[in-house]
N, C-alpha and C. Protein backbone atom coordinates (compact mmCIF):
# COMPACT_ATOMS: atom_id res chain seq x y z
N MET A 1 -20.36 8.54 -11.72
CA MET A 1 -20.56 7.60 -13.03
C MET A 1 -21.63 6.36 -12.44
N GLN A 2 -22.62 6.36 -12.88
CA GLN A 2 -23.24 4.92 -12.65
C GLN A 2 -22.96 4.23 -13.80
N LEU A 3 -22.89 2.78 -13.45
CA LEU A 3 -22.54 1.38 -14.65
C LEU A 3 -23.67 0.71 -14.53
N GLU A 4 -23.94 0.10 -15.70
CA GLU A 4 -24.42 -1.35 -15.22
C GLU A 4 -24.17 -1.90 -15.00
N GLU A 5 -25.08 -2.78 -14.10
CA GLU A 5 -24.39 -4.12 -13.66
C GLU A 5 -23.75 -5.19 -13.91
N SER A 6 -23.80 -5.31 -15.31
CA SER A 6 -22.96 -6.11 -15.89
C SER A 6 -21.78 -5.65 -16.07
N THR A 7 -21.51 -4.28 -16.56
CA THR A 7 -20.50 -3.51 -16.92
C THR A 7 -19.32 -3.63 -15.51
N TYR A 8 -20.26 -3.08 -14.59
CA TYR A 8 -19.37 -3.17 -13.55
C TYR A 8 -18.56 -4.05 -12.98
N GLU A 9 -19.43 -5.45 -13.07
CA GLU A 9 -18.85 -7.25 -12.88
C GLU A 9 -17.85 -6.91 -13.77
N ALA A 10 -17.90 -6.79 -15.14
CA ALA A 10 -16.92 -7.01 -16.02
C ALA A 10 -15.68 -6.42 -15.53
N LEU A 11 -15.63 -5.28 -15.40
CA LEU A 11 -14.34 -3.97 -14.66
C LEU A 11 -13.82 -4.49 -13.57
N ARG A 12 -14.81 -5.09 -12.70
CA ARG A 12 -14.24 -5.45 -11.44
C ARG A 12 -13.71 -6.96 -11.58
N ARG A 13 -13.93 -7.70 -12.68
CA ARG A 13 -13.24 -9.17 -12.54
C ARG A 13 -11.90 -8.64 -13.48
N LYS A 14 -12.06 -7.92 -14.41
CA LYS A 14 -10.68 -7.59 -15.38
C LYS A 14 -9.73 -6.68 -14.07
N ALA A 15 -9.96 -6.02 -13.29
CA ALA A 15 -9.15 -5.62 -12.29
C ALA A 15 -8.80 -6.72 -10.96
N PHE A 16 -9.58 -7.64 -10.80
CA PHE A 16 -8.76 -8.39 -9.97
C PHE A 16 -8.09 -9.29 -10.95
N LYS A 17 -8.47 -9.77 -12.19
CA LYS A 17 -7.17 -10.54 -13.00
C LYS A 17 -6.22 -9.56 -13.12
N GLU A 18 -6.05 -8.67 -13.35
CA GLU A 18 -4.51 -7.83 -13.42
C GLU A 18 -4.22 -7.26 -12.19
N GLY A 19 -4.63 -7.57 -11.27
CA GLY A 19 -4.13 -7.23 -9.85
C GLY A 19 -3.74 -5.39 -9.69
N LYS A 20 -5.49 -4.74 -10.47
CA LYS A 20 -5.26 -3.59 -10.33
C LYS A 20 -6.49 -2.99 -9.28
N SER A 21 -6.22 -1.60 -9.04
CA SER A 21 -8.36 -1.09 -8.74
C SER A 21 -8.94 -0.48 -9.41
N ILE A 22 -10.02 -0.86 -9.67
CA ILE A 22 -11.21 -0.63 -10.50
C ILE A 22 -11.09 0.59 -10.99
N SER A 23 -10.46 1.54 -10.11
CA SER A 23 -10.63 2.61 -10.87
C SER A 23 -9.41 3.17 -11.68
N ALA A 24 -8.04 2.03 -11.31
CA ALA A 24 -7.33 2.07 -12.56
C ALA A 24 -7.63 1.26 -13.81
N VAL A 25 -8.09 0.45 -13.60
CA VAL A 25 -8.56 -0.19 -14.74
C VAL A 25 -9.40 0.97 -15.54
N ALA A 26 -10.43 1.53 -15.15
CA ALA A 26 -11.46 2.39 -15.37
C ALA A 26 -10.67 3.59 -16.46
N ARG A 27 -9.79 3.65 -15.74
CA ARG A 27 -9.36 5.18 -16.21
C ARG A 27 -8.24 4.73 -17.54
N GLU A 28 -7.80 3.63 -17.41
CA GLU A 28 -6.84 3.10 -18.42
C GLU A 28 -7.91 2.73 -19.79
N LEU A 29 -9.05 2.41 -19.39
CA LEU A 29 -9.93 2.04 -20.29
C LEU A 29 -10.80 3.77 -21.30
N LEU A 30 -11.22 4.14 -20.22
CA LEU A 30 -11.47 5.31 -20.83
C LEU A 30 -10.29 6.32 -21.68
N ALA A 31 -9.46 6.50 -21.23
CA ALA A 31 -7.91 7.02 -21.74
C ALA A 31 -7.70 6.20 -23.20
N GLU A 32 -8.17 4.72 -23.38
CA GLU A 32 -7.87 4.14 -24.78
C GLU A 32 -8.98 4.69 -25.52
N GLY A 33 -10.10 4.33 -24.76
CA GLY A 33 -11.25 4.60 -25.64
C GLY A 33 -10.89 6.11 -26.49
N LEU A 34 -10.44 7.08 -25.64
CA LEU A 34 -11.07 8.45 -25.97
C LEU A 34 -9.67 8.68 -26.81
N GLY A 35 -8.83 7.91 -27.17
CA GLY A 35 -7.57 8.04 -27.95
C GLY A 35 -6.46 8.47 -27.48
N GLU A 36 -6.37 8.72 -26.02
CA GLU A 36 -5.42 9.19 -25.50
C GLU A 36 -3.95 8.20 -25.22
N GLN A 37 -2.97 8.92 -25.26
CA GLN A 37 -1.70 7.97 -24.95
C GLN A 37 -1.03 7.63 -23.68
N ARG A 38 -1.08 6.52 -23.63
CA ARG A 38 -0.76 5.97 -21.90
C ARG A 38 0.30 6.83 -22.04
N ARG A 39 0.51 7.20 -20.62
CA ARG A 39 2.12 7.76 -20.59
C ARG A 39 3.01 6.78 -19.41
N GLU A 40 3.81 6.26 -19.38
CA GLU A 40 4.22 5.58 -17.94
C GLU A 40 5.21 6.29 -17.66
N ARG A 41 5.07 6.53 -16.25
CA ARG A 41 5.39 7.30 -15.57
C ARG A 41 6.53 6.28 -14.44
N ARG A 42 7.48 6.81 -14.17
CA ARG A 42 8.68 6.07 -13.50
C ARG A 42 8.15 6.55 -12.13
N LEU A 43 7.98 5.41 -10.84
CA LEU A 43 7.56 5.83 -9.53
C LEU A 43 9.13 5.94 -9.34
N THR A 44 9.12 6.92 -8.18
CA THR A 44 10.18 7.42 -7.13
C THR A 44 9.44 7.38 -5.57
N ILE A 45 10.67 7.46 -4.85
CA ILE A 45 10.42 7.35 -3.29
C ILE A 45 9.39 8.40 -2.93
N ASP A 46 9.41 9.34 -3.72
CA ASP A 46 8.11 10.45 -3.34
C ASP A 46 7.05 9.89 -3.28
N ASP A 47 7.14 8.80 -4.20
CA ASP A 47 5.28 8.42 -4.50
C ASP A 47 4.55 7.47 -3.40
N PHE A 48 5.85 7.33 -2.31
CA PHE A 48 5.43 6.37 -1.27
C PHE A 48 5.73 6.92 0.36
N PRO A 49 5.07 7.97 0.61
CA PRO A 49 5.43 8.70 1.53
C PRO A 49 5.25 8.19 2.98
N PHE A 50 4.76 7.09 2.83
CA PHE A 50 4.25 6.09 4.06
C PHE A 50 5.68 5.38 4.39
N VAL A 51 6.74 5.31 3.44
CA VAL A 51 8.00 4.49 4.22
C VAL A 51 8.84 5.01 4.65
N GLY A 52 8.63 4.13 5.45
CA GLY A 52 10.01 4.66 7.00
C GLY A 52 8.76 4.96 8.42
N GLY A 53 7.48 4.96 8.10
CA GLY A 53 6.53 5.57 8.91
C GLY A 53 5.98 4.72 9.84
N GLY A 54 6.28 3.39 10.15
CA GLY A 54 6.90 2.55 11.23
C GLY A 54 8.24 3.08 11.86
N ARG A 55 8.94 3.20 11.53
CA ARG A 55 10.41 3.69 12.21
C ARG A 55 10.41 3.83 13.73
N SER A 56 11.29 2.99 14.73
CA SER A 56 11.25 3.27 16.18
C SER A 56 12.79 3.03 16.06
N ARG A 57 12.72 4.38 17.51
CA ARG A 57 14.26 3.85 17.92
C ARG A 57 14.49 2.25 18.88
N GLN A 58 15.46 1.68 18.14
CA GLN A 58 15.92 0.40 19.02
C GLN A 58 16.94 0.05 20.06
N GLY A 59 17.68 1.34 19.89
CA GLY A 59 18.78 1.35 21.02
C GLY A 59 19.64 0.35 20.99
N ARG A 60 19.77 -0.19 22.38
CA ARG A 60 20.66 -1.62 22.50
C ARG A 60 20.25 -2.72 22.01
N LEU A 61 18.82 -2.79 21.76
CA LEU A 61 18.37 -4.17 21.36
C LEU A 61 18.29 -4.10 19.72
N LEU A 62 18.98 -3.17 19.33
CA LEU A 62 19.31 -3.82 17.37
C LEU A 62 19.95 -4.71 17.54
N PRO A 63 19.29 -5.46 16.36
CA PRO A 63 17.94 -5.45 15.77
C PRO A 63 16.28 -6.08 16.60
N VAL A 64 15.78 -5.49 17.01
CA VAL A 64 14.41 -5.64 17.42
C VAL A 64 14.10 -6.78 17.02
N SER A 65 13.68 -6.90 15.58
CA SER A 65 13.23 -7.92 14.99
C SER A 65 13.72 -9.59 15.42
N GLU A 66 15.21 -9.68 15.82
CA GLU A 66 15.32 -10.76 16.20
C GLU A 66 15.61 -10.77 17.76
N ARG A 67 15.45 -9.53 18.61
CA ARG A 67 15.53 -8.99 19.88
C ARG A 67 13.97 -9.01 20.90
N HIS A 68 12.92 -9.29 19.82
CA HIS A 68 11.92 -9.08 20.69
C HIS A 68 11.28 -9.17 21.94
N ASP A 69 11.54 -10.33 22.49
CA ASP A 69 11.71 -11.00 23.69
C ASP A 69 11.93 -9.85 24.49
N GLU A 70 13.23 -9.34 24.29
CA GLU A 70 14.21 -8.76 25.22
C GLU A 70 13.14 -7.14 25.52
N ALA A 71 13.04 -6.81 24.05
CA ALA A 71 12.11 -5.41 23.61
C ALA A 71 11.09 -5.65 24.76
N LEU A 72 10.24 -6.43 24.60
CA LEU A 72 9.14 -7.09 25.56
C LEU A 72 9.30 -6.47 26.85
N VAL A 73 10.25 -7.56 27.14
CA VAL A 73 10.83 -7.28 29.02
C VAL A 73 10.87 -6.40 29.54
N ASP A 74 11.80 -4.97 28.70
CA ASP A 74 12.06 -3.86 29.25
C ASP A 74 11.10 -3.08 28.48
N ALA A 75 10.03 -3.20 28.05
CA ALA A 75 8.78 -2.17 27.80
C ALA A 75 7.85 -2.58 29.28
N LEU A 76 7.55 -3.79 29.53
CA LEU A 76 6.90 -4.06 30.59
C LEU A 76 7.84 -3.77 31.49
N LYS A 77 9.02 -3.62 31.96
CA LYS A 77 9.63 -3.41 32.99
C LYS A 77 9.27 -1.67 33.31
N LYS A 78 9.57 -0.42 32.00
CA LYS A 78 9.48 0.31 32.13
C LYS A 78 7.62 0.30 32.48
N LYS A 79 6.53 0.28 31.99
CA LYS A 79 5.28 0.39 32.15
C LYS A 79 5.07 0.26 33.80
N SER A 80 5.59 -0.67 34.17
CA SER A 80 5.48 -1.21 35.80
C SER A 80 5.93 -0.24 36.67
N ARG A 81 7.09 0.23 36.01
CA ARG A 81 7.45 1.57 37.16
C ARG A 81 6.83 2.94 37.60
N ARG A 82 5.57 3.03 35.98
CA ARG A 82 5.06 4.06 36.52
C ARG A 82 4.25 4.00 36.98
């Protein structure tokens, strides 16, 4: 879809002001303009498949967030043994 520069800028400002993506604002405005009712959908954990993607095995250093220096020493020791 092609937009006039002024229309795009207005859309971009609205998206920024509302803390949404330009696409989300455009979809909302189009649905409203076409008379479609907006359906609010509740988000579930399935909507966020990336949650937990950074989990690691912390072993004896649990929680690593508090014992990161020890974790770094362990990692460096293991690397030097290779």
